[in-house]
Amino acid sequence: MDVEVTKISSKGQIVIPQGIREQVGFFEGENISVTVQDRLVVLKKIDNPITKADLKTLASIKEAWQEIKEGKCRKMSSESFLKELDKW
């Protein structure tokens, strides 16, 4: 998993580094959803118009956050989390 640092502009804009855009398949003019929970910002590429699969993914993210709030998920260090992501 690539980790890069970027800055927020005075207008609140964030540049997603080119390597990450290419890895995820983000292209100019495409739609993305943005959600936040406990200071973690999640960007999800969505089709235009939004498909049932997109809505299902967004709903599963919401469900996962609810499980975290209810203490149903295990805690781990950032390093362990990144290792788990590499397995996906």
N, C-alpha and C. Protein backbone atom coordinates (compact mmCIF):
# COMPACT_ATOMS: atom_id res chain seq x y z
N MET A 1 0.85 -1.18 0.00
CA MET A 1 0.00 0.00 0.00
C MET A 1 0.89 1.23 0.00
N ASP A 2 0.59 2.16 -0.91
CA ASP A 2 1.36 3.40 -0.98
C ASP A 2 0.83 4.39 0.04
N VAL A 3 1.73 5.10 0.69
CA VAL A 3 1.36 6.18 1.59
C VAL A 3 2.13 7.41 1.14
N GLU A 4 1.42 8.47 0.84
CA GLU A 4 2.05 9.71 0.42
C GLU A 4 1.47 10.86 1.23
N VAL A 5 2.19 11.97 1.26
CA VAL A 5 1.77 13.15 2.00
C VAL A 5 1.38 14.23 1.00
N THR A 6 0.29 14.92 1.30
CA THR A 6 -0.17 16.02 0.45
C THR A 6 -0.65 17.14 1.36
N LYS A 7 -0.95 18.29 0.80
CA LYS A 7 -1.40 19.44 1.59
C LYS A 7 -2.80 19.86 1.15
N ILE A 8 -3.48 20.54 2.05
CA ILE A 8 -4.80 21.09 1.77
C ILE A 8 -4.60 22.55 1.36
N SER A 9 -5.22 22.95 0.24
CA SER A 9 -5.11 24.34 -0.22
C SER A 9 -5.98 25.26 0.62
N SER A 10 -5.84 26.55 0.40
CA SER A 10 -6.66 27.53 1.12
C SER A 10 -8.15 27.37 0.80
N LYS A 11 -8.46 26.72 -0.33
CA LYS A 11 -9.85 26.47 -0.72
C LYS A 11 -10.34 25.10 -0.24
N GLY A 12 -9.51 24.38 0.52
CA GLY A 12 -9.90 23.07 1.02
C GLY A 12 -9.68 21.94 0.03
N GLN A 13 -8.96 22.23 -1.05
CA GLN A 13 -8.72 21.21 -2.07
C GLN A 13 -7.51 20.35 -1.68
N ILE A 14 -7.59 19.09 -2.04
CA ILE A 14 -6.51 18.15 -1.76
C ILE A 14 -6.09 17.51 -3.08
N VAL A 15 -4.79 17.46 -3.30
CA VAL A 15 -4.27 16.78 -4.49
C VAL A 15 -4.01 15.33 -4.12
N ILE A 16 -4.65 14.42 -4.85
CA ILE A 16 -4.36 13.00 -4.68
C ILE A 16 -3.16 12.70 -5.58
N PRO A 17 -2.06 12.25 -5.00
CA PRO A 17 -0.85 12.02 -5.80
C PRO A 17 -1.13 11.11 -7.00
N GLN A 18 -0.41 11.38 -8.09
CA GLN A 18 -0.63 10.68 -9.35
C GLN A 18 -0.55 9.16 -9.22
N GLY A 19 0.43 8.66 -8.50
CA GLY A 19 0.57 7.22 -8.36
C GLY A 19 -0.64 6.57 -7.72
N ILE A 20 -1.20 7.25 -6.73
CA ILE A 20 -2.39 6.72 -6.05
C ILE A 20 -3.61 6.83 -6.97
N ARG A 21 -3.73 7.95 -7.70
CA ARG A 21 -4.84 8.09 -8.66
C ARG A 21 -4.80 6.97 -9.69
N GLU A 22 -3.61 6.68 -10.18
CA GLU A 22 -3.48 5.62 -11.18
C GLU A 22 -3.79 4.25 -10.58
N GLN A 23 -3.33 4.02 -9.37
CA GLN A 23 -3.56 2.74 -8.70
C GLN A 23 -5.05 2.49 -8.49
N VAL A 24 -5.78 3.53 -8.10
CA VAL A 24 -7.21 3.41 -7.80
C VAL A 24 -8.06 3.56 -9.06
N GLY A 25 -7.53 4.28 -10.04
CA GLY A 25 -8.30 4.52 -11.26
C GLY A 25 -9.14 5.77 -11.19
N PHE A 26 -8.66 6.79 -10.46
CA PHE A 26 -9.35 8.08 -10.41
C PHE A 26 -8.91 8.89 -11.62
N PHE A 27 -9.89 9.40 -12.39
CA PHE A 27 -9.58 10.22 -13.56
C PHE A 27 -10.35 11.54 -13.48
N GLU A 28 -9.83 12.54 -14.15
CA GLU A 28 -10.44 13.87 -14.14
C GLU A 28 -11.92 13.80 -14.50
N GLY A 29 -12.73 14.50 -13.72
CA GLY A 29 -14.15 14.60 -13.98
C GLY A 29 -15.01 13.48 -13.40
N GLU A 30 -14.37 12.47 -12.82
CA GLU A 30 -15.13 11.37 -12.25
C GLU A 30 -15.70 11.76 -10.89
N ASN A 31 -16.73 11.04 -10.48
CA ASN A 31 -17.36 11.29 -9.18
C ASN A 31 -16.75 10.39 -8.12
N ILE A 32 -16.57 10.94 -6.93
CA ILE A 32 -16.15 10.15 -5.78
C ILE A 32 -17.03 10.54 -4.60
N SER A 33 -17.27 9.58 -3.73
CA SER A 33 -17.98 9.89 -2.50
C SER A 33 -16.93 10.15 -1.43
N VAL A 34 -17.28 10.99 -0.47
CA VAL A 34 -16.38 11.31 0.63
C VAL A 34 -17.14 11.14 1.92
N THR A 35 -16.57 10.39 2.84
CA THR A 35 -17.18 10.21 4.15
C THR A 35 -16.09 10.29 5.21
N VAL A 36 -16.49 10.58 6.42
CA VAL A 36 -15.52 10.69 7.51
C VAL A 36 -16.10 10.08 8.77
N GLN A 37 -15.24 9.44 9.52
CA GLN A 37 -15.62 8.89 10.81
C GLN A 37 -14.38 8.89 11.68
N ASP A 38 -14.47 9.49 12.84
CA ASP A 38 -13.35 9.52 13.77
C ASP A 38 -12.05 9.96 13.11
N ARG A 39 -12.11 11.01 12.33
CA ARG A 39 -10.96 11.64 11.68
C ARG A 39 -10.36 10.82 10.53
N LEU A 40 -11.00 9.75 10.10
CA LEU A 40 -10.56 8.98 8.95
C LEU A 40 -11.44 9.37 7.77
N VAL A 41 -10.82 9.88 6.72
CA VAL A 41 -11.54 10.29 5.52
C VAL A 41 -11.44 9.16 4.51
N VAL A 42 -12.59 8.75 3.96
CA VAL A 42 -12.62 7.67 2.99
C VAL A 42 -13.14 8.22 1.67
N LEU A 43 -12.38 8.00 0.61
CA LEU A 43 -12.79 8.38 -0.74
C LEU A 43 -13.15 7.10 -1.50
N LYS A 44 -14.26 7.10 -2.20
CA LYS A 44 -14.71 5.93 -2.95
C LYS A 44 -15.12 6.37 -4.33
N LYS A 45 -14.49 5.78 -5.34
CA LYS A 45 -14.87 6.07 -6.72
C LYS A 45 -16.28 5.53 -6.95
N ILE A 46 -17.14 6.34 -7.55
CA ILE A 46 -18.50 5.90 -7.84
C ILE A 46 -18.80 6.11 -9.31
N ASP A 47 -19.65 5.26 -9.84
CA ASP A 47 -20.05 5.38 -11.23
C ASP A 47 -21.03 6.54 -11.37
N ASN A 48 -21.18 7.01 -12.57
CA ASN A 48 -22.13 8.07 -12.84
C ASN A 48 -23.14 7.53 -13.84
N PRO A 49 -24.35 7.29 -13.51
CA PRO A 49 -24.94 7.50 -12.19
C PRO A 49 -24.50 6.42 -11.20
N ILE A 50 -24.78 6.67 -9.94
CA ILE A 50 -24.40 5.73 -8.89
C ILE A 50 -25.12 4.40 -9.12
N THR A 51 -24.35 3.33 -9.05
CA THR A 51 -24.92 2.00 -9.27
C THR A 51 -25.37 1.37 -7.95
N LYS A 52 -26.09 0.28 -8.05
CA LYS A 52 -26.50 -0.45 -6.85
C LYS A 52 -25.27 -0.95 -6.09
N ALA A 53 -24.22 -1.34 -6.84
CA ALA A 53 -22.99 -1.81 -6.20
C ALA A 53 -22.34 -0.69 -5.39
N ASP A 54 -22.37 0.54 -5.93
CA ASP A 54 -21.81 1.69 -5.19
C ASP A 54 -22.59 1.90 -3.90
N LEU A 55 -23.91 1.86 -3.98
CA LEU A 55 -24.74 2.07 -2.79
C LEU A 55 -24.51 0.96 -1.77
N LYS A 56 -24.32 -0.27 -2.24
CA LYS A 56 -24.06 -1.39 -1.35
C LYS A 56 -22.73 -1.19 -0.62
N THR A 57 -21.70 -0.73 -1.35
CA THR A 57 -20.40 -0.48 -0.73
C THR A 57 -20.50 0.63 0.30
N LEU A 58 -21.19 1.71 -0.03
CA LEU A 58 -21.35 2.82 0.91
C LEU A 58 -22.11 2.37 2.16
N ALA A 59 -23.12 1.53 1.98
CA ALA A 59 -23.88 1.01 3.13
C ALA A 59 -23.00 0.13 4.00
N SER A 60 -22.13 -0.68 3.38
CA SER A 60 -21.26 -1.55 4.18
C SER A 60 -20.25 -0.74 4.97
N ILE A 61 -19.80 0.39 4.42
CA ILE A 61 -18.88 1.27 5.16
C ILE A 61 -19.61 1.82 6.39
N LYS A 62 -20.85 2.25 6.20
CA LYS A 62 -21.65 2.77 7.32
C LYS A 62 -21.84 1.69 8.38
N GLU A 63 -22.13 0.46 7.96
CA GLU A 63 -22.30 -0.64 8.90
C GLU A 63 -21.00 -0.92 9.66
N ALA A 64 -19.89 -0.87 8.95
CA ALA A 64 -18.60 -1.12 9.60
C ALA A 64 -18.32 -0.08 10.67
N TRP A 65 -18.61 1.18 10.39
CA TRP A 65 -18.39 2.23 11.40
C TRP A 65 -19.28 1.99 12.61
N GLN A 66 -20.50 1.52 12.38
CA GLN A 66 -21.40 1.24 13.50
C GLN A 66 -20.82 0.12 14.37
N GLU A 67 -20.26 -0.91 13.73
CA GLU A 67 -19.65 -2.00 14.49
C GLU A 67 -18.46 -1.51 15.29
N ILE A 68 -17.69 -0.60 14.73
CA ILE A 68 -16.55 -0.03 15.45
C ILE A 68 -17.06 0.71 16.69
N LYS A 69 -18.10 1.54 16.51
CA LYS A 69 -18.67 2.29 17.63
C LYS A 69 -19.17 1.37 18.73
N GLU A 70 -19.71 0.21 18.34
CA GLU A 70 -20.26 -0.73 19.30
C GLU A 70 -19.18 -1.64 19.92
N GLY A 71 -17.93 -1.43 19.52
CA GLY A 71 -16.83 -2.20 20.08
C GLY A 71 -16.72 -3.62 19.56
N LYS A 72 -17.29 -3.88 18.40
CA LYS A 72 -17.26 -5.23 17.83
C LYS A 72 -15.99 -5.51 17.03
N CYS A 73 -15.15 -4.51 16.85
CA CYS A 73 -13.94 -4.68 16.05
C CYS A 73 -12.71 -4.61 16.95
N ARG A 74 -11.67 -5.30 16.53
CA ARG A 74 -10.46 -5.28 17.32
C ARG A 74 -9.64 -4.04 17.01
N LYS A 75 -8.90 -3.58 18.00
CA LYS A 75 -8.02 -2.43 17.82
C LYS A 75 -6.66 -2.93 17.38
N MET A 76 -5.98 -2.14 16.55
CA MET A 76 -4.64 -2.50 16.12
C MET A 76 -3.84 -1.25 15.83
N SER A 77 -2.56 -1.38 15.81
CA SER A 77 -1.68 -0.25 15.52
C SER A 77 -1.81 0.12 14.04
N SER A 78 -1.37 1.32 13.70
CA SER A 78 -1.40 1.76 12.31
C SER A 78 -0.58 0.82 11.43
N GLU A 79 0.56 0.38 11.95
CA GLU A 79 1.43 -0.52 11.20
C GLU A 79 0.71 -1.85 10.91
N SER A 80 0.05 -2.40 11.91
CA SER A 80 -0.70 -3.65 11.72
C SER A 80 -1.84 -3.46 10.73
N PHE A 81 -2.51 -2.32 10.81
CA PHE A 81 -3.61 -2.01 9.90
C PHE A 81 -3.11 -1.98 8.46
N LEU A 82 -1.97 -1.31 8.23
CA LEU A 82 -1.43 -1.23 6.87
C LEU A 82 -1.03 -2.61 6.36
N LYS A 83 -0.51 -3.46 7.22
CA LYS A 83 -0.17 -4.82 6.83
C LYS A 83 -1.42 -5.60 6.42
N GLU A 84 -2.51 -5.41 7.17
CA GLU A 84 -3.78 -6.07 6.84
C GLU A 84 -4.28 -5.59 5.47
N LEU A 85 -4.15 -4.28 5.20
CA LEU A 85 -4.60 -3.76 3.91
C LEU A 85 -3.81 -4.36 2.76
N ASP A 86 -2.51 -4.59 2.97
CA ASP A 86 -1.68 -5.18 1.93
C ASP A 86 -2.18 -6.57 1.54
N LYS A 87 -2.83 -7.27 2.45
CA LYS A 87 -3.36 -8.61 2.17
C LYS A 87 -4.55 -8.57 1.23
N TRP A 88 -5.27 -7.44 1.19
CA TRP A 88 -6.45 -7.31 0.34
C TRP A 88 -6.01 -7.28 -1.08
